Amino acid sequence: MPWGKFDSTKIDIIKTRTILDRDHFGLEKVKDRIIEYLAVLQRSKKIKGPILCLIGPPGV
């Protein structure tokens, strides 16, 4: 993965929220924060932040 090069793939926020709701029960504040992070990333293209990782079976 080359450093300093970014993927230009458009993030579908609605589809992302649908998948999060389907695969992860509860955790509304966490899911809201993930959506907020992705929306800001999509708008600014210059944000630096942590890598998001979800670990465990769906619903945990």
PDB file of N, CA and C in Angstrom:
ATOM      1  N   MET A   1       0.835  -1.159   0.000  1.00  0.00           N
ATOM      2  CA  MET A   1       0.000   0.000   0.000  1.00  0.00           C
ATOM      3  C   MET A   1       0.892   1.239   0.000  1.00  0.00           C
ATOM      4  N   PRO A   2       0.825   2.034  -1.032  1.00  0.00           N
ATOM      5  CA  PRO A   2       1.663   3.231  -1.104  1.00  0.00           C
ATOM      6  C   PRO A   2       1.223   4.287  -0.089  1.00  0.00           C
ATOM      7  N   TRP A   3       2.196   4.888   0.583  1.00  0.00           N
ATOM      8  CA  TRP A   3       1.912   5.948   1.537  1.00  0.00           C
ATOM      9  C   TRP A   3       1.573   7.230   0.790  1.00  0.00           C
ATOM     10  N   GLY A   4       0.622   7.989   1.300  1.00  0.00           N
ATOM     11  CA  GLY A   4       0.270   9.274   0.713  1.00  0.00           C
ATOM     12  C   GLY A   4      -0.699   9.189  -0.451  1.00  0.00           C
ATOM     13  N   LYS A   5      -1.126   7.995  -0.821  1.00  0.00           N
ATOM     14  CA  LYS A   5      -2.115   7.832  -1.882  1.00  0.00           C
ATOM     15  C   LYS A   5      -3.406   7.340  -1.240  1.00  0.00           C
ATOM     16  N   PHE A   6      -4.510   7.950  -1.630  1.00  0.00           N
ATOM     17  CA  PHE A   6      -5.784   7.642  -1.012  1.00  0.00           C
ATOM     18  C   PHE A   6      -6.748   7.066  -2.034  1.00  0.00           C
ATOM     19  N   ASP A   7      -7.604   6.192  -1.563  1.00  0.00           N
ATOM     20  CA  ASP A   7      -8.630   5.579  -2.394  1.00  0.00           C
ATOM     21  C   ASP A   7      -9.720   6.611  -2.673  1.00  0.00           C
ATOM     22  N   SER A   8     -10.156   6.705  -3.904  1.00  0.00           N
ATOM     23  CA  SER A   8     -11.176   7.685  -4.263  1.00  0.00           C
ATOM     24  C   SER A   8     -12.582   7.088  -4.236  1.00  0.00           C
ATOM     25  N   THR A   9     -12.733   5.906  -3.661  1.00  0.00           N
ATOM     26  CA  THR A   9     -14.029   5.255  -3.582  1.00  0.00           C
ATOM     27  C   THR A   9     -14.997   6.102  -2.759  1.00  0.00           C
ATOM     28  N   LYS A  10     -16.176   6.320  -3.289  1.00  0.00           N
ATOM     29  CA  LYS A  10     -17.206   7.100  -2.591  1.00  0.00           C
ATOM     30  C   LYS A  10     -17.844   6.226  -1.514  1.00  0.00           C
ATOM     31  N   ILE A  11     -17.964   6.767  -0.316  1.00  0.00           N
ATOM     32  CA  ILE A  11     -18.558   6.042   0.799  1.00  0.00           C
ATOM     33  C   ILE A  11     -20.062   6.296   0.803  1.00  0.00           C
ATOM     34  N   ASP A  12     -20.848   5.223   0.776  1.00  0.00           N
ATOM     35  CA  ASP A  12     -22.303   5.329   0.853  1.00  0.00           C
ATOM     36  C   ASP A  12     -22.691   5.274   2.329  1.00  0.00           C
ATOM     37  N   ILE A  13     -22.948   6.435   2.921  1.00  0.00           N
ATOM     38  CA  ILE A  13     -23.219   6.541   4.354  1.00  0.00           C
ATOM     39  C   ILE A  13     -24.485   5.768   4.736  1.00  0.00           C
ATOM     40  N   ILE A  14     -25.526   5.846   3.929  1.00  0.00           N
ATOM     41  CA  ILE A  14     -26.781   5.154   4.244  1.00  0.00           C
ATOM     42  C   ILE A  14     -26.583   3.645   4.214  1.00  0.00           C
ATOM     43  N   LYS A  15     -25.884   3.149   3.202  1.00  0.00           N
ATOM     44  CA  LYS A  15     -25.617   1.711   3.119  1.00  0.00           C
ATOM     45  C   LYS A  15     -24.736   1.261   4.285  1.00  0.00           C
ATOM     46  N   THR A  16     -23.761   2.085   4.643  1.00  0.00           N
ATOM     47  CA  THR A  16     -22.887   1.766   5.770  1.00  0.00           C
ATOM     48  C   THR A  16     -23.695   1.645   7.052  1.00  0.00           C
ATOM     49  N   ARG A  17     -24.595   2.586   7.300  1.00  0.00           N
ATOM     50  CA  ARG A  17     -25.428   2.539   8.508  1.00  0.00           C
ATOM     51  C   ARG A  17     -26.328   1.304   8.497  1.00  0.00           C
ATOM     52  N   THR A  18     -26.877   0.967   7.337  1.00  0.00           N
ATOM     53  CA  THR A  18     -27.731  -0.213   7.224  1.00  0.00           C
ATOM     54  C   THR A  18     -26.963  -1.475   7.584  1.00  0.00           C
ATOM     55  N   ILE A  19     -25.746  -1.593   7.091  1.00  0.00           N
ATOM     56  CA  ILE A  19     -24.914  -2.769   7.389  1.00  0.00           C
ATOM     57  C   ILE A  19     -24.551  -2.809   8.872  1.00  0.00           C
ATOM     58  N   LEU A  20     -24.179  -1.668   9.438  1.00  0.00           N
ATOM     59  CA  LEU A  20     -23.871  -1.627  10.872  1.00  0.00           C
ATOM     60  C   LEU A  20     -25.084  -2.042  11.703  1.00  0.00           C
ATOM     61  N   ASP A  21     -26.275  -1.544  11.362  1.00  0.00           N
ATOM     62  CA  ASP A  21     -27.490  -1.897  12.102  1.00  0.00           C
ATOM     63  C   ASP A  21     -27.823  -3.378  11.959  1.00  0.00           C
ATOM     64  N   ARG A  22     -27.601  -3.928  10.784  1.00  0.00           N
ATOM     65  CA  ARG A  22     -27.908  -5.336  10.536  1.00  0.00           C
ATOM     66  C   ARG A  22     -26.946  -6.258  11.275  1.00  0.00           C
ATOM     67  N   ASP A  23     -25.674  -5.906  11.296  1.00  0.00           N
ATOM     68  CA  ASP A  23     -24.647  -6.817  11.807  1.00  0.00           C
ATOM     69  C   ASP A  23     -24.241  -6.584  13.258  1.00  0.00           C
ATOM     70  N   HIS A  24     -24.609  -5.441  13.848  1.00  0.00           N
ATOM     71  CA  HIS A  24     -24.180  -5.122  15.212  1.00  0.00           C
ATOM     72  C   HIS A  24     -25.363  -4.578  16.000  1.00  0.00           C
ATOM     73  N   PHE A  25     -25.884  -5.405  16.910  1.00  0.00           N
ATOM     74  CA  PHE A  25     -27.044  -5.027  17.716  1.00  0.00           C
ATOM     75  C   PHE A  25     -26.658  -3.986  18.765  1.00  0.00           C
ATOM     76  N   GLY A  26     -27.523  -2.986  18.949  1.00  0.00           N
ATOM     77  CA  GLY A  26     -27.258  -1.963  19.960  1.00  0.00           C
ATOM     78  C   GLY A  26     -26.112  -1.064  19.537  1.00  0.00           C
ATOM     79  N   LEU A  27     -25.311  -0.648  20.499  1.00  0.00           N
ATOM     80  CA  LEU A  27     -24.116   0.167  20.252  1.00  0.00           C
ATOM     81  C   LEU A  27     -24.414   1.409  19.416  1.00  0.00           C
ATOM     82  N   GLU A  28     -25.554   2.043  19.665  1.00  0.00           N
ATOM     83  CA  GLU A  28     -25.970   3.177  18.835  1.00  0.00           C
ATOM     84  C   GLU A  28     -24.956   4.319  18.847  1.00  0.00           C
ATOM     85  N   LYS A  29     -24.407   4.633  20.010  1.00  0.00           N
ATOM     86  CA  LYS A  29     -23.431   5.727  20.077  1.00  0.00           C
ATOM     87  C   LYS A  29     -22.172   5.391  19.283  1.00  0.00           C
ATOM     88  N   VAL A  30     -21.754   4.137  19.341  1.00  0.00           N
ATOM     89  CA  VAL A  30     -20.567   3.706  18.592  1.00  0.00           C
ATOM     90  C   VAL A  30     -20.838   3.797  17.098  1.00  0.00           C
ATOM     91  N   LYS A  31     -21.992   3.313  16.666  1.00  0.00           N
ATOM     92  CA  LYS A  31     -22.336   3.362  15.243  1.00  0.00           C
ATOM     93  C   LYS A  31     -22.480   4.808  14.766  1.00  0.00           C
ATOM     94  N   ASP A  32     -23.066   5.658  15.597  1.00  0.00           N
ATOM     95  CA  ASP A  32     -23.169   7.081  15.241  1.00  0.00           C
ATOM     96  C   ASP A  32     -21.785   7.692  15.060  1.00  0.00           C
ATOM     97  N   ARG A  33     -20.869   7.342  15.931  1.00  0.00           N
ATOM     98  CA  ARG A  33     -19.503   7.882  15.860  1.00  0.00           C
ATOM     99  C   ARG A  33     -18.789   7.393  14.601  1.00  0.00           C
ATOM    100  N   ILE A  34     -18.986   6.135  14.244  1.00  0.00           N
ATOM    101  CA  ILE A  34     -18.384   5.592  13.022  1.00  0.00           C
ATOM    102  C   ILE A  34     -18.918   6.337  11.802  1.00  0.00           C
ATOM    103  N   ILE A  35     -20.225   6.535  11.736  1.00  0.00           N
ATOM    104  CA  ILE A  35     -20.837   7.249  10.613  1.00  0.00           C
ATOM    105  C   ILE A  35     -20.333   8.689  10.558  1.00  0.00           C
ATOM    106  N   GLU A  36     -20.244   9.332  11.711  1.00  0.00           N
ATOM    107  CA  GLU A  36     -19.724  10.705  11.767  1.00  0.00           C
ATOM    108  C   GLU A  36     -18.288  10.763  11.247  1.00  0.00           C
ATOM    109  N   TYR A  37     -17.458   9.834  11.686  1.00  0.00           N
ATOM    110  CA  TYR A  37     -16.060   9.769  11.249  1.00  0.00           C
ATOM    111  C   TYR A  37     -15.979   9.612   9.727  1.00  0.00           C
ATOM    112  N   LEU A  38     -16.765   8.693   9.169  1.00  0.00           N
ATOM    113  CA  LEU A  38     -16.733   8.456   7.725  1.00  0.00           C
ATOM    114  C   LEU A  38     -17.253   9.666   6.944  1.00  0.00           C
ATOM    115  N   ALA A  39     -18.271  10.340   7.460  1.00  0.00           N
ATOM    116  CA  ALA A  39     -18.811  11.524   6.787  1.00  0.00           C
ATOM    117  C   ALA A  39     -17.780  12.650   6.751  1.00  0.00           C
ATOM    118  N   VAL A  40     -17.094  12.869   7.863  1.00  0.00           N
ATOM    119  CA  VAL A  40     -16.057  13.908   7.906  1.00  0.00           C
ATOM    120  C   VAL A  40     -14.909  13.537   6.976  1.00  0.00           C
ATOM    121  N   LEU A  41     -14.508  12.287   6.988  1.00  0.00           N
ATOM    122  CA  LEU A  41     -13.438  11.815   6.106  1.00  0.00           C
ATOM    123  C   LEU A  41     -13.807  12.044   4.642  1.00  0.00           C
ATOM    124  N   GLN A  42     -15.042  11.731   4.293  1.00  0.00           N
ATOM    125  CA  GLN A  42     -15.504  11.895   2.915  1.00  0.00           C
ATOM    126  C   GLN A  42     -15.518  13.367   2.505  1.00  0.00           C
ATOM    127  N   ARG A  43     -15.877  14.258   3.415  1.00  0.00           N
ATOM    128  CA  ARG A  43     -15.952  15.684   3.089  1.00  0.00           C
ATOM    129  C   ARG A  43     -14.587  16.351   3.024  1.00  0.00           C
ATOM    130  N   SER A  44     -13.691  15.992   3.938  1.00  0.00           N
ATOM    131  CA  SER A  44     -12.439  16.738   4.043  1.00  0.00           C
ATOM    132  C   SER A  44     -11.303  16.148   3.220  1.00  0.00           C
ATOM    133  N   LYS A  45     -11.235  14.839   3.125  1.00  0.00           N
ATOM    134  CA  LYS A  45     -10.159  14.133   2.413  1.00  0.00           C
ATOM    135  C   LYS A  45      -8.787  14.365   3.036  1.00  0.00           C
ATOM    136  N   LYS A  46      -8.709  15.131   4.127  1.00  0.00           N
ATOM    137  CA  LYS A  46      -7.415  15.434   4.721  1.00  0.00           C
ATOM    138  C   LYS A  46      -7.339  15.004   6.184  1.00  0.00           C
ATOM    139  N   ILE A  47      -8.382  14.396   6.675  1.00  0.00           N
ATOM    140  CA  ILE A  47      -8.414  14.024   8.086  1.00  0.00           C
ATOM    141  C   ILE A  47      -7.457  12.863   8.345  1.00  0.00           C
ATOM    142  N   LYS A  48      -6.803  12.929   9.475  1.00  0.00           N
ATOM    143  CA  LYS A  48      -5.975  11.819   9.915  1.00  0.00           C
ATOM    144  C   LYS A  48      -6.617  11.285  11.176  1.00  0.00           C
ATOM    145  N   GLY A  49      -6.669  10.000  11.293  1.00  0.00           N
ATOM    146  CA  GLY A  49      -7.291   9.435  12.477  1.00  0.00           C
ATOM    147  C   GLY A  49      -6.965   7.969  12.610  1.00  0.00           C
ATOM    148  N   PRO A  50      -7.559   7.357  13.591  1.00  0.00           N
ATOM    149  CA  PRO A  50      -7.278   5.949  13.849  1.00  0.00           C
ATOM    150  C   PRO A  50      -7.881   5.046  12.782  1.00  0.00           C
ATOM    151  N   ILE A  51      -7.337   3.870  12.686  1.00  0.00           N
ATOM    152  CA  ILE A  51      -7.906   2.837  11.830  1.00  0.00           C
ATOM    153  C   ILE A  51      -9.053   2.210  12.603  1.00  0.00           C
ATOM    154  N   LEU A  52     -10.204   2.087  11.971  1.00  0.00           N
ATOM    155  CA  LEU A  52     -11.371   1.528  12.644  1.00  0.00           C
ATOM    156  C   LEU A  52     -11.390   0.015  12.483  1.00  0.00           C
ATOM    157  N   CYS A  53     -11.518  -0.690  13.599  1.00  0.00           N
ATOM    158  CA  CYS A  53     -11.587  -2.156  13.578  1.00  0.00           C
ATOM    159  C   CYS A  53     -12.720  -2.614  14.481  1.00  0.00           C
ATOM    160  N   LEU A  54     -13.555  -3.495  13.976  1.00  0.00           N
ATOM    161  CA  LEU A  54     -14.599  -4.122  14.778  1.00  0.00           C
ATOM    162  C   LEU A  54     -14.219  -5.585  14.936  1.00  0.00           C
ATOM    163  N   ILE A  55     -14.126  -6.038  16.189  1.00  0.00           N
ATOM    164  CA  ILE A  55     -13.664  -7.392  16.456  1.00  0.00           C
ATOM    165  C   ILE A  55     -14.764  -8.170  17.155  1.00  0.00           C
ATOM    166  N   GLY A  56     -14.930  -9.410  16.754  1.00  0.00           N
ATOM    167  CA  GLY A  56     -15.887 -10.289  17.411  1.00  0.00           C
ATOM    168  C   GLY A  56     -17.040 -10.632  16.494  1.00  0.00           C
ATOM    169  N   PRO A  57     -17.824 -11.592  16.902  1.00  0.00           N
ATOM    170  CA  PRO A  57     -18.970 -11.981  16.088  1.00  0.00           C
ATOM    171  C   PRO A  57     -20.022 -10.875  16.059  1.00  0.00           C
ATOM    172  N   PRO A  58     -20.867 -10.848  15.028  1.00  0.00           N
ATOM    173  CA  PRO A  58     -21.910  -9.833  14.950  1.00  0.00           C
ATOM    174  C   PRO A  58     -22.761  -9.824  16.217  1.00  0.00           C
ATOM    175  N   GLY A  59     -23.101  -8.627  16.664  1.00  0.00           N
ATOM    176  CA  GLY A  59     -23.936  -8.478  17.838  1.00  0.00           C
ATOM    177  C   GLY A  59     -23.170  -8.368  19.135  1.00  0.00           C
ATOM    178  N   VAL A  60     -21.847  -8.516  19.078  1.00  0.00           N
ATOM    179  CA  VAL A  60     -21.040  -8.443  20.305  1.00  0.00           C
ATOM    180  C   VAL A  60     -20.475  -7.051  20.461  1.00  0.00           C
TER     181      VAL A  60
END
